Protein backbone atom coordinates (compact mmCIF):
# COMPACT_ATOMS: atom_id res chain seq x y z
CA UNK A 1 83.76 104.92 120.13
CA UNK A 2 87.57 105.52 118.74
CA UNK A 3 88.61 104.91 115.83
CA UNK A 4 91.83 104.94 113.39
CA UNK A 5 92.56 106.85 109.88
CA UNK A 6 93.52 104.49 107.06
CA UNK A 7 96.71 105.86 106.91
CA UNK A 8 96.75 104.71 110.87
CA UNK A 9 95.12 101.46 110.76
CA UNK A 10 97.58 100.45 107.22
CA UNK A 11 100.73 101.66 109.34
CA UNK A 12 99.43 99.64 113.00
CA UNK A 13 98.60 96.33 110.78
CA UNK A 14 102.08 96.86 108.96
CA UNK A 15 103.62 96.98 112.76
CA UNK A 16 101.63 93.95 113.86
CA UNK A 17 102.69 92.00 110.93
CA UNK A 18 106.61 92.77 111.52
CA UNK A 19 106.17 91.53 115.38
CA UNK A 20 107.28 87.72 116.26
CA UNK A 21 103.89 86.71 118.20
CA UNK A 22 100.61 87.08 117.94
CA UNK A 23 99.05 90.46 118.18
CA UNK A 24 95.29 90.59 118.76
CA UNK A 25 95.21 94.64 118.47
CA UNK A 26 95.82 97.90 119.71
CA UNK A 27 95.55 98.74 123.15
CA UNK A 28 94.31 102.15 123.13
CA UNK A 29 94.46 104.10 126.70
CA UNK A 30 95.40 107.87 128.48
CA UNK A 31 97.03 107.47 131.69
CA UNK A 32 97.46 110.04 134.58
CA UNK A 33 100.62 112.18 133.97
CA UNK A 34 102.17 114.44 131.20
CA UNK A 35 102.58 118.45 130.95
CA UNK A 36 98.81 118.23 130.23
CA UNK A 37 96.78 116.19 133.03
CA UNK A 38 96.25 112.92 130.77
CA UNK A 39 98.43 110.96 128.15
CA UNK A 40 97.94 108.93 125.86
CA UNK A 41 99.39 105.35 124.95
CA UNK A 42 99.08 102.75 121.91
CA UNK A 43 100.63 99.17 122.75
CA UNK A 44 100.05 95.59 121.87
CA UNK A 45 97.71 93.28 123.05
CA UNK A 46 97.56 89.58 122.76
CA UNK A 47 94.21 89.91 124.74
CA UNK A 48 91.72 92.00 125.84
CA UNK A 49 91.59 92.46 129.12
CA UNK A 50 88.42 91.94 131.50
CA UNK A 51 86.11 95.02 131.12
CA UNK A 52 88.07 96.04 127.88
CA UNK A 53 85.37 97.20 124.96
CA UNK A 54 86.28 95.95 122.01
CA UNK A 55 86.14 98.01 119.03
CA UNK A 56 87.07 97.22 115.21
CA UNK A 57 88.61 100.25 112.74
CA UNK A 58 89.61 99.51 109.62
CA UNK A 59 90.39 95.74 109.81
CA UNK A 60 92.14 96.77 113.12
CA UNK A 61 90.57 95.73 116.67
CA UNK A 62 91.22 98.11 118.81
CA UNK A 63 90.67 97.35 123.18
CA UNK A 64 89.95 100.01 125.41
CA UNK A 65 89.54 99.93 129.15
CA UNK A 66 86.51 101.83 131.03
CA UNK A 67 87.99 104.45 132.27
CA UNK A 68 90.02 105.07 128.97
CA UNK A 69 87.15 105.44 127.05
CA UNK A 70 85.58 108.29 129.15
CA UNK A 71 88.21 110.37 127.94
CA UNK A 72 88.25 109.05 124.24
CA UNK A 73 84.66 109.20 123.80
CA UNK A 74 84.60 110.13 120.24
CA UNK A 75 88.18 110.10 119.51
CA UNK A 76 90.64 110.10 116.07
CA UNK A 77 94.12 108.04 115.61
CA UNK A 78 95.57 109.22 112.47
CA UNK A 79 99.29 108.56 111.21
CA UNK A 80 100.64 111.12 110.19
CA UNK A 81 104.52 110.99 108.27
CA UNK A 82 106.50 114.71 107.34
CA UNK A 83 108.95 116.07 107.24
CA UNK A 84 108.53 117.37 110.99
CA UNK A 85 108.57 113.57 112.13
CA UNK A 86 105.98 110.48 111.96
CA UNK A 87 103.79 109.55 114.11
CA UNK A 88 100.17 109.08 115.38
CA UNK A 89 98.04 112.24 116.44
CA UNK A 90 94.59 112.34 118.71
CA UNK A 91 92.16 114.03 117.86
CA UNK A 92 89.71 114.41 120.96
CA UNK A 93 87.05 116.48 121.36
CA UNK A 94 87.11 115.68 124.96
CA UNK A 95 90.00 117.59 125.69
CA UNK A 96 90.03 121.12 126.74
CA UNK A 97 93.32 122.10 126.41
CA UNK A 98 96.65 119.97 124.73
CA UNK A 99 100.35 120.42 125.21
CA UNK A 100 102.50 121.83 122.51
CA UNK A 101 103.47 117.67 121.56
CA UNK A 102 99.68 116.40 121.55
CA UNK A 103 100.53 113.58 124.09
CA UNK A 104 99.02 114.77 126.67
CA UNK A 105 95.94 116.51 127.22
CA UNK A 106 92.93 118.22 130.23
CA UNK A 107 89.31 117.66 130.24
């Protein structure tokens, strides 16, 4: 399962409310690339794609494609706002190595 912390869910809901068109939820996934092999991505989803796992966390609908789900099982997405910057942070128990920026990982 992929989950959001309450602060992350609150931020996503806030961003969805500001969008000019209908948004069904948040797509969470991984792509090849980044300095460690895979990089995370988040994007708004207007609907589920064929084969997506549909999850819900703190009232936010999440869509994860089957390939990404294999790498993201057990991952928690948090939203951090500090003096060093603000953004979404992934805590992935499957990652064997992560890069310094926290946006890519290897398994």
